[in-house]
Amino acid sequence: MAGSSKNNRELYEKANPVFNTAKMTLFQLAQQGNPHAAGISEKLGLTEDTQKSRSFSMSPEEELTFRIILETRYNMMGSLAQDSGFPVLVDLPCGYTPRAIETAEQNRSYIGLDLPPVIEEISGIILSMISSEKKKLVRFSPVDATNGGSLEKALEDVKENICINTEGLLMYFNDAETHSFLQNIRRLLNIHGGCWITADPEIMSEHLRIRSGIHPGDSGHDTYHILNEKADVNVITNGLMVRYGHEKEDVEKAKATLSEHGLKAERIRIRDHLAAVNAFSSLTSEQGRAVLKAVEDVSFWKVVSAGSAENNAEADHRFTILTELTDGVLGLRLTGRLDSLTAPQLLAEYEEQSASGVIRKVEIDCRALDYISSAGLRVLLILQKGCKEGVSLTGTNDFVSDILNKTGFGEILGV
């Protein structure tokens, strides 16, 4: 993909607009007194003005809820990773948090994985804050979590067991992306051994239950509204996300989904960790008791492989674009995977062709397109809005067609 680093970042942000959420998390950690987070936040130029909401302000109860959740999640995920005993922490996505610095201080190896613009922006800052003798313990690699090839390449030289940490990722995946991600998790665990620790399945239920304990009957903004507004990407549900009020049935569904992918989970209750966070001390005694009761069964998940599996190399899904522009009609033939890593390439090709003349229609040959993610769908929507006669797709396989139909894009686009 041609263009400057700045232009490349702009393309990634159009296809994957989730960077605001990651920076919001960093800024909140800094506000709560994490010195490393404060240092990173300063280097990134984050301030109250850059991080405040564009459309609403949180109530004190909502702000306290987020403080408790963030501090509990950050501290508990770190302690669970350390307690796992596995020597290599794989942070997916790593975002902008200071986890790498703290892991290196524990003399443990850290691998931060995220989209290319995040890695480009944060890796130098983090490494500049680590002592020279600890730098060898930390490295970063750009990946797409649904792209098994990118994950395996990032870990190809790892010889020890791994602990994969996931915070704030699954809520942005549709079912197809979740399926691909779980396949990748199992494959990584079968190759390297270890575990996957995630706070994601019950994060929505956790939020609403903590808020109900702090302020019963509060009808203010919930996690969906705030994260949707901050990230410009809709928070969605999938086979692993547990809904508030449906915890019992959804936990069993999530376990079944993991089992279908050769994985099994242990649930670790947050109640035993909650009262230790600094923000919890801001509650009254009555609120504290109510919150602990409300989250009695809310848990983080520790997932392991249920058994060995075939270790065949992943099929070659290299992405290519063949282009032809004739009389205002842009013909594209796509090959491979249209995901978070490759969707910016499609957008760059479209913008380059647009610069040489008006494009009234885009016709896409999908016969060799194996996979499409939410990032790919967002780029197709950009193309659809930019062309008078829209976008048409031909030759979609069953997998791509199913994603288009389930997401409603089959009706938006000409298929």
Protein backbone atom coordinates (compact mmCIF):
# COMPACT_ATOMS: atom_id res chain seq x y z
CA MET A 1 0.00 0.00 0.00
CA ALA A 2 1.51 3.29 -1.07
CA GLY A 3 1.48 6.54 0.87
CA SER A 4 2.98 8.13 3.94
CA SER A 5 2.79 6.73 7.46
CA LYS A 6 0.17 9.36 8.31
CA ASN A 7 -1.98 8.42 5.33
CA ASN A 8 -1.64 4.73 6.16
CA ARG A 9 -2.81 5.42 9.71
CA GLU A 10 -5.81 7.38 8.42
CA LEU A 11 -6.78 4.41 6.24
CA TYR A 12 -6.53 2.03 9.20
CA GLU A 13 -8.63 4.34 11.36
CA LYS A 14 -11.35 4.44 8.70
CA ALA A 15 -11.41 0.64 8.50
CA ASN A 16 -10.84 -0.02 12.23
CA PRO A 17 -12.05 2.99 14.27
CA VAL A 18 -11.34 1.61 17.75
CA PHE A 19 -8.28 3.62 18.76
CA ASN A 20 -10.25 6.12 20.87
CA THR A 21 -11.41 3.36 23.23
CA ALA A 22 -7.84 2.15 23.83
CA LYS A 23 -6.65 5.67 24.58
CA MET A 24 -9.64 6.26 26.85
CA THR A 25 -8.57 3.21 28.89
CA LEU A 26 -5.00 4.50 29.16
CA PHE A 27 -6.12 7.96 30.22
CA GLN A 28 -8.41 6.56 32.91
CA LEU A 29 -5.58 4.42 34.28
CA ALA A 30 -3.44 7.55 34.43
CA GLN A 31 -6.22 9.43 36.25
CA GLN A 32 -6.37 6.62 38.80
CA GLY A 33 -2.73 7.11 39.70
CA ASN A 34 -0.87 4.54 37.59
CA PRO A 35 2.51 6.31 37.10
CA HIS A 36 3.46 4.40 33.95
CA ALA A 37 0.06 5.14 32.39
CA ALA A 38 0.53 8.80 33.24
CA GLY A 39 3.90 8.82 31.50
CA ILE A 40 2.54 7.17 28.35
CA SER A 41 -0.50 9.45 28.36
CA GLU A 42 1.72 12.51 28.52
CA LYS A 43 3.90 11.29 25.65
CA LEU A 44 0.76 10.73 23.55
CA GLY A 45 -0.54 14.21 24.37
CA LEU A 46 -3.76 12.99 26.02
CA THR A 47 -5.63 15.54 28.12
CA GLU A 48 -9.07 16.02 29.65
CA ASP A 49 -10.08 17.88 26.49
CA THR A 50 -8.91 15.15 24.08
CA GLN A 51 -10.56 12.35 26.05
CA LYS A 52 -13.86 13.84 27.14
CA SER A 53 -17.01 12.56 25.47
CA ARG A 54 -18.21 14.35 22.36
CA SER A 55 -21.92 13.90 23.08
CA PHE A 56 -22.54 13.36 26.79
CA SER A 57 -21.01 13.50 30.25
CA MET A 58 -21.12 10.61 32.70
CA SER A 59 -22.93 10.91 36.00
CA PRO A 60 -20.78 10.53 39.15
CA GLU A 61 -22.26 7.04 39.64
CA GLU A 62 -21.39 6.05 36.07
CA GLU A 63 -17.88 7.47 36.38
CA LEU A 64 -17.31 5.57 39.63
CA THR A 65 -18.63 2.38 38.02
CA PHE A 66 -16.11 2.70 35.21
CA ARG A 67 -13.28 3.43 37.64
CA ILE A 68 -14.04 0.30 39.64
CA ILE A 69 -14.38 -1.88 36.52
CA LEU A 70 -11.22 -0.58 34.91
CA GLU A 71 -9.07 -0.91 38.03
CA THR A 72 -10.48 -4.36 38.84
CA ARG A 73 -9.98 -5.61 35.30
CA TYR A 74 -6.48 -4.22 34.89
CA ASN A 75 -5.21 -5.44 38.26
CA MET A 76 -6.96 -8.81 38.14
CA MET A 77 -5.87 -9.61 34.58
CA GLY A 78 -2.29 -8.84 35.55
CA SER A 79 -2.37 -10.97 38.68
CA LEU A 80 -4.07 -13.89 36.90
CA ALA A 81 -1.44 -13.80 34.17
CA GLN A 82 1.35 -13.80 36.76
CA ASP A 83 -0.32 -16.55 38.81
CA SER A 84 -0.69 -18.75 35.72
CA GLY A 85 3.02 -19.50 35.93
CA PHE A 86 3.45 -19.31 32.16
CA PRO A 87 6.56 -17.27 31.31
CA VAL A 88 5.39 -15.39 28.18
CA LEU A 89 2.51 -12.91 28.35
CA VAL A 90 0.82 -12.34 24.99
CA ASP A 91 -1.29 -9.16 25.23
CA LEU A 92 -4.04 -9.15 22.57
CA PRO A 93 -4.81 -6.37 21.89
CA CYS A 94 -2.07 -4.58 23.79
CA GLY A 95 -3.50 -1.10 23.17
CA TYR A 96 -1.67 1.71 24.95
CA THR A 97 -1.54 0.37 28.51
CA PRO A 98 1.69 0.02 30.53
CA ARG A 99 1.32 -3.76 30.90
CA ALA A 100 4.61 -4.32 29.03
CA ILE A 101 6.54 -2.18 31.52
CA GLU A 102 5.08 -3.96 34.53
CA THR A 103 5.62 -7.42 33.03
CA ALA A 104 9.28 -6.65 32.28
CA GLU A 105 9.74 -5.42 35.85
CA GLN A 106 8.60 -8.92 36.93
CA ASN A 107 11.35 -10.43 34.71
CA ARG A 108 8.76 -12.03 32.45
CA SER A 109 8.58 -11.90 28.65
CA TYR A 110 5.93 -9.71 27.02
CA ILE A 111 4.61 -9.71 23.45
CA GLY A 112 2.19 -6.91 22.57
CA LEU A 113 -0.09 -7.58 19.60
CA ASP A 114 -2.38 -5.04 17.95
CA LEU A 115 -3.18 -3.37 14.64
CA PRO A 116 -0.20 -1.82 12.80
CA PRO A 117 -0.94 1.87 13.66
CA VAL A 118 -1.18 1.08 17.38
CA ILE A 119 2.09 -0.86 17.32
CA GLU A 120 3.78 1.91 15.35
CA GLU A 121 2.63 4.56 17.81
CA ILE A 122 3.15 2.78 21.13
CA SER A 123 6.17 0.48 20.74
CA GLY A 124 8.79 3.24 20.75
CA ILE A 125 7.16 5.02 23.70
CA ILE A 126 6.99 1.84 25.79
CA LEU A 127 10.54 0.75 25.01
CA SER A 128 11.85 4.20 25.91
CA MET A 129 10.38 3.72 29.40
CA ILE A 130 12.05 0.33 30.03
CA SER A 131 15.59 -0.06 31.34
CA SER A 132 18.17 -1.30 28.86
CA GLU A 133 18.60 -4.66 30.61
CA LYS A 134 14.81 -5.29 30.48
CA LYS A 135 14.21 -4.24 26.87
CA LYS A 136 15.05 -7.73 25.60
CA LEU A 137 11.98 -9.03 27.42
CA VAL A 138 9.54 -6.88 25.43
CA ARG A 139 8.53 -6.79 21.79
CA PHE A 140 5.53 -5.81 19.69
CA SER A 141 4.04 -7.21 16.48
CA PRO A 142 1.16 -6.08 14.21
CA VAL A 143 -1.62 -8.66 13.82
CA ASP A 144 -5.30 -9.21 13.10
CA ALA A 145 -6.78 -11.41 15.85
CA THR A 146 -8.93 -13.28 13.30
CA ASN A 147 -5.94 -13.91 11.03
CA GLY A 148 -4.20 -17.05 12.25
CA GLY A 149 -1.23 -16.57 9.97
CA SER A 150 -0.42 -13.15 11.45
CA LEU A 151 -0.66 -14.53 15.00
CA GLU A 152 1.54 -17.54 14.30
CA LYS A 153 4.15 -15.35 12.61
CA ALA A 154 4.23 -13.03 15.64
CA LEU A 155 4.91 -15.99 17.95
CA GLU A 156 6.95 -18.21 15.63
CA ASP A 157 10.16 -17.97 17.70
CA VAL A 158 8.45 -18.48 21.10
CA LYS A 159 9.66 -21.71 22.71
CA GLU A 160 7.94 -21.40 26.10
CA ASN A 161 4.35 -21.67 27.30
CA ILE A 162 2.20 -18.58 26.76
CA CYS A 163 -0.52 -16.77 28.65
CA ILE A 164 -2.78 -14.88 26.23
CA ASN A 165 -4.58 -11.89 27.79
CA THR A 166 -7.65 -10.44 26.09
CA GLU A 167 -9.47 -7.32 27.29
CA GLY A 168 -12.00 -5.32 25.26
CA LEU A 169 -11.78 -7.37 22.07
CA LEU A 170 -14.62 -9.87 21.83
CA MET A 171 -17.38 -7.27 22.14
CA TYR A 172 -16.50 -5.99 18.65
CA PHE A 173 -16.65 -9.41 16.94
CA ASN A 174 -19.57 -10.88 15.04
CA ASP A 175 -20.11 -14.65 15.20
CA ALA A 176 -17.95 -15.35 12.14
CA GLU A 177 -15.05 -13.36 13.59
CA THR A 178 -15.51 -15.08 16.94
CA HIS A 179 -15.35 -18.46 15.21
CA SER A 180 -12.07 -17.54 13.48
CA PHE A 181 -10.63 -16.10 16.68
CA LEU A 182 -11.42 -19.22 18.73
CA GLN A 183 -9.86 -21.42 16.06
CA ASN A 184 -6.73 -19.29 16.31
CA ILE A 185 -6.67 -19.41 20.12
CA ARG A 186 -6.88 -23.20 20.12
CA ARG A 187 -4.16 -23.50 17.51
CA LEU A 188 -1.81 -21.19 19.45
CA LEU A 189 -2.43 -23.12 22.68
CA ASN A 190 -1.83 -26.43 20.91
CA ILE A 191 1.42 -25.13 19.44
CA HIS A 192 2.81 -23.35 22.50
CA GLY A 193 0.87 -24.66 25.49
CA GLY A 194 -0.50 -22.39 28.19
CA CYS A 195 -3.82 -20.61 28.65
CA TRP A 196 -6.02 -17.75 27.52
CA ILE A 197 -7.36 -15.35 30.17
CA THR A 198 -10.17 -13.00 29.21
CA ALA A 199 -12.37 -10.46 30.96
CA ASP A 200 -14.66 -10.06 27.97
CA PRO A 201 -17.56 -12.58 28.17
CA GLU A 202 -19.16 -11.07 31.29
CA ILE A 203 -18.01 -7.44 31.01
CA MET A 204 -21.47 -6.09 30.14
CA SER A 205 -23.13 -7.95 33.00
CA GLU A 206 -20.34 -6.82 35.34
CA HIS A 207 -20.88 -3.18 34.41
CA LEU A 208 -24.63 -3.17 34.92
CA ARG A 209 -24.46 -5.13 38.16
CA ILE A 210 -21.85 -2.84 39.71
CA ARG A 211 -23.86 0.19 38.67
CA SER A 212 -27.05 -1.29 40.15
CA GLY A 213 -25.25 -1.70 43.48
CA ILE A 214 -23.95 1.87 43.47
CA HIS A 215 -27.18 3.50 42.37
CA PRO A 216 -30.23 1.20 42.16
CA GLY A 217 -32.62 2.18 39.40
CA ASP A 218 -30.08 4.38 37.57
CA SER A 219 -31.13 4.62 33.93
CA GLY A 220 -28.05 6.55 32.75
CA HIS A 221 -25.64 5.52 30.01
CA ASP A 222 -24.40 1.93 30.07
CA THR A 223 -21.32 0.25 28.62
CA TYR A 224 -22.88 -0.08 25.15
CA HIS A 225 -23.60 3.65 24.83
CA ILE A 226 -20.22 4.77 26.11
CA LEU A 227 -18.08 2.33 24.14
CA ASN A 228 -20.11 2.84 20.97
CA GLU A 229 -19.69 6.61 21.28
CA LYS A 230 -15.99 6.44 22.08
CA ALA A 231 -14.95 3.89 19.45
CA ASP A 232 -17.30 4.71 16.56
CA VAL A 233 -17.79 0.94 16.24
CA ASN A 234 -20.95 -0.74 17.42
CA VAL A 235 -20.55 -3.05 20.40
CA ILE A 236 -22.31 -6.25 19.42
CA THR A 237 -23.14 -9.64 20.89
CA ASN A 238 -21.87 -13.04 19.84
CA GLY A 239 -21.76 -16.60 21.12
CA LEU A 240 -19.32 -15.70 23.90
CA MET A 241 -20.91 -12.53 25.26
CA VAL A 242 -23.07 -12.92 28.37
CA ARG A 243 -26.12 -10.65 28.60
CA TYR A 244 -27.30 -8.96 31.77
CA GLY A 245 -30.32 -10.85 33.09
CA HIS A 246 -29.51 -13.93 31.02
CA GLU A 247 -26.27 -14.92 32.73
CA LYS A 248 -27.10 -18.53 33.56
CA GLU A 249 -28.22 -19.53 30.07
CA ASP A 250 -25.59 -17.45 28.28
CA VAL A 251 -22.71 -18.84 30.35
CA GLU A 252 -23.75 -22.34 29.31
CA LYS A 253 -24.03 -21.23 25.67
CA ALA A 254 -20.56 -19.67 25.83
CA LYS A 255 -19.11 -22.84 27.34
CA ALA A 256 -20.74 -24.85 24.55
CA THR A 257 -19.25 -22.48 21.96
CA LEU A 258 -15.80 -22.98 23.48
CA SER A 259 -16.31 -26.75 23.54
CA GLU A 260 -17.20 -26.73 19.84
CA HIS A 261 -13.78 -25.17 19.23
CA GLY A 262 -11.87 -27.63 21.42
CA LEU A 263 -11.57 -25.27 24.39
CA LYS A 264 -12.72 -25.42 28.02
CA ALA A 265 -13.05 -22.67 30.60
CA GLU A 266 -12.62 -22.11 34.32
CA ARG A 267 -14.56 -19.13 35.68
CA ILE A 268 -12.74 -17.04 38.30
CA ARG A 269 -15.02 -14.80 40.37
CA ILE A 270 -14.16 -11.11 40.55
CA ARG A 271 -15.81 -10.68 43.97
CA ASP A 272 -12.69 -11.84 45.77
CA HIS A 273 -10.62 -9.18 43.97
CA LEU A 274 -13.11 -6.31 43.86
CA ALA A 275 -12.79 -4.93 47.38
CA ALA A 276 -9.00 -4.60 46.99
CA VAL A 277 -9.13 -1.89 44.30
CA ASN A 278 -8.64 1.73 45.34
CA ALA A 279 -11.83 2.96 43.66
CA PHE A 280 -13.92 0.58 45.79
CA SER A 281 -13.03 2.63 48.88
CA SER A 282 -15.04 5.52 47.41
CA LEU A 283 -18.27 3.59 48.03
CA THR A 284 -20.34 3.87 51.20
CA SER A 285 -20.57 0.74 53.34
CA GLU A 286 -24.09 0.15 52.06
CA GLN A 287 -23.03 0.55 48.42
CA GLY A 288 -20.03 -1.74 48.94
CA ARG A 289 -22.22 -4.54 50.32
CA ALA A 290 -24.72 -4.07 47.50
CA VAL A 291 -22.02 -4.22 44.82
CA LEU A 292 -20.42 -7.36 46.27
CA LYS A 293 -23.82 -9.04 46.38
CA ALA A 294 -24.65 -7.94 42.82
CA VAL A 295 -21.42 -9.42 41.37
CA GLU A 296 -21.54 -12.62 43.40
CA ASP A 297 -21.25 -14.82 40.31
CA VAL A 298 -19.55 -12.48 37.80
CA SER A 299 -16.29 -13.98 36.58
CA PHE A 300 -13.25 -13.71 34.34
CA TRP A 301 -12.45 -16.77 32.25
CA LYS A 302 -9.30 -18.92 32.10
CA VAL A 303 -9.42 -21.05 28.96
CA VAL A 304 -7.23 -23.99 27.95
CA SER A 305 -7.18 -26.39 25.03
CA ALA A 306 -9.36 -29.46 25.58
CA GLY A 307 -6.86 -31.66 23.75
CA SER A 308 -4.34 -31.85 20.96
CA ALA A 309 -5.40 -31.25 17.39
CA GLU A 310 -3.98 -31.58 13.94
CA ASN A 311 -1.13 -29.15 13.42
CA ASN A 312 -1.51 -28.47 9.74
CA ALA A 313 -0.28 -25.13 8.48
CA GLU A 314 -2.97 -22.58 7.74
CA ALA A 315 -3.97 -22.26 4.10
CA ASP A 316 -2.44 -19.43 2.11
CA HIS A 317 -4.84 -16.47 2.32
CA ARG A 318 -2.60 -13.73 0.92
CA PHE A 319 -4.67 -10.74 -0.10
CA THR A 320 -4.44 -9.32 -3.62
CA ILE A 321 -6.44 -6.80 -5.66
CA LEU A 322 -6.74 -6.71 -9.44
CA THR A 323 -8.15 -3.39 -10.70
CA GLU A 324 -9.72 -2.11 -13.91
CA LEU A 325 -11.42 1.28 -14.33
CA THR A 326 -13.60 1.70 -17.42
CA ASP A 327 -16.14 4.48 -18.07
CA GLY A 328 -16.54 5.27 -14.37
CA VAL A 329 -16.98 1.62 -13.36
CA LEU A 330 -14.25 0.30 -11.06
CA GLY A 331 -13.84 -3.44 -11.39
CA LEU A 332 -12.05 -5.21 -8.53
CA ARG A 333 -11.07 -8.86 -8.17
CA LEU A 334 -10.27 -9.73 -4.56
CA THR A 335 -8.27 -12.75 -3.43
CA GLY A 336 -7.69 -14.05 0.11
CA ARG A 337 -8.84 -12.40 3.35
CA LEU A 338 -10.42 -8.95 3.61
CA ASP A 339 -9.77 -8.27 7.30
CA SER A 340 -8.38 -5.60 9.64
CA LEU A 341 -4.92 -5.86 8.09
CA THR A 342 -6.00 -5.83 4.44
CA ALA A 343 -9.17 -3.69 4.37
CA PRO A 344 -7.06 -0.47 4.34
CA GLN A 345 -5.41 -1.74 1.14
CA LEU A 346 -8.82 -1.92 -0.55
CA LEU A 347 -9.68 1.58 0.67
CA ALA A 348 -6.32 2.90 -0.55
CA GLU A 349 -6.89 1.38 -4.01
CA TYR A 350 -10.36 2.93 -4.20
CA GLU A 351 -9.09 6.38 -3.14
CA GLU A 352 -6.21 6.19 -5.62
CA GLN A 353 -8.57 5.31 -8.47
CA SER A 354 -11.02 8.03 -7.37
CA ALA A 355 -8.27 10.61 -7.70
CA SER A 356 -8.02 9.91 -11.43
CA GLY A 357 -11.72 10.31 -12.17
CA VAL A 358 -15.27 10.01 -10.87
CA ILE A 359 -16.27 6.45 -9.95
CA ARG A 360 -20.00 5.97 -10.34
CA LYS A 361 -20.04 2.23 -9.54
CA VAL A 362 -17.82 -0.48 -8.05
CA GLU A 363 -18.12 -4.09 -9.23
CA ILE A 364 -16.29 -6.63 -7.07
CA ASP A 365 -15.49 -10.17 -8.18
CA CYS A 366 -15.46 -12.26 -4.97
CA ARG A 367 -14.87 -15.72 -6.43
CA ALA A 368 -11.42 -15.90 -4.78
CA LEU A 369 -12.38 -13.99 -1.61
CA ASP A 370 -12.12 -16.44 1.32
CA TYR A 371 -13.10 -14.25 4.27
CA ILE A 372 -14.48 -10.84 5.18
CA SER A 373 -14.43 -9.19 8.63
CA SER A 374 -16.20 -6.16 10.12
CA ALA A 375 -13.33 -3.96 8.92
CA GLY A 376 -13.89 -5.22 5.37
CA LEU A 377 -17.61 -4.53 5.64
CA ARG A 378 -16.93 -0.98 6.84
CA VAL A 379 -14.75 -0.32 3.81
CA LEU A 380 -17.43 -1.71 1.47
CA LEU A 381 -19.91 0.69 3.10
CA ILE A 382 -17.50 3.60 2.48
CA LEU A 383 -17.34 2.59 -1.18
CA GLN A 384 -21.12 2.23 -1.33
CA LYS A 385 -21.65 5.75 0.02
CA GLY A 386 -19.04 7.20 -2.32
CA CYS A 387 -20.53 5.87 -5.56
CA LYS A 388 -23.73 7.09 -7.16
CA GLU A 389 -24.64 3.58 -8.34
CA GLY A 390 -23.19 1.82 -5.33
CA VAL A 391 -21.31 -1.48 -5.02
CA SER A 392 -22.16 -4.89 -6.46
CA LEU A 393 -20.59 -8.21 -5.46
CA THR A 394 -20.47 -11.35 -7.57
CA GLY A 395 -19.25 -14.88 -6.90
CA THR A 396 -19.43 -14.79 -3.09
CA ASN A 397 -18.83 -18.15 -1.43
CA ASP A 398 -21.16 -19.56 1.24
CA PHE A 399 -19.08 -18.16 4.11
CA VAL A 400 -18.96 -14.60 2.76
CA SER A 401 -22.63 -14.73 1.72
CA ASP A 402 -23.61 -15.85 5.22
CA ILE A 403 -21.74 -12.92 6.80
CA LEU A 404 -23.33 -10.46 4.37
CA ASN A 405 -26.82 -11.78 5.11
CA LYS A 406 -26.44 -11.96 8.90
CA THR A 407 -25.08 -8.42 9.10
CA GLY A 408 -27.67 -6.95 6.74
CA PHE A 409 -25.05 -5.98 4.18
CA GLY A 410 -26.63 -8.34 1.66
CA GLU A 411 -29.55 -5.89 1.44
CA ILE A 412 -27.36 -2.78 1.38
CA LEU A 413 -25.03 -3.99 -1.34
CA GLY A 414 -25.91 -5.52 -4.68
CA VAL A 415 -25.03 -9.23 -4.29
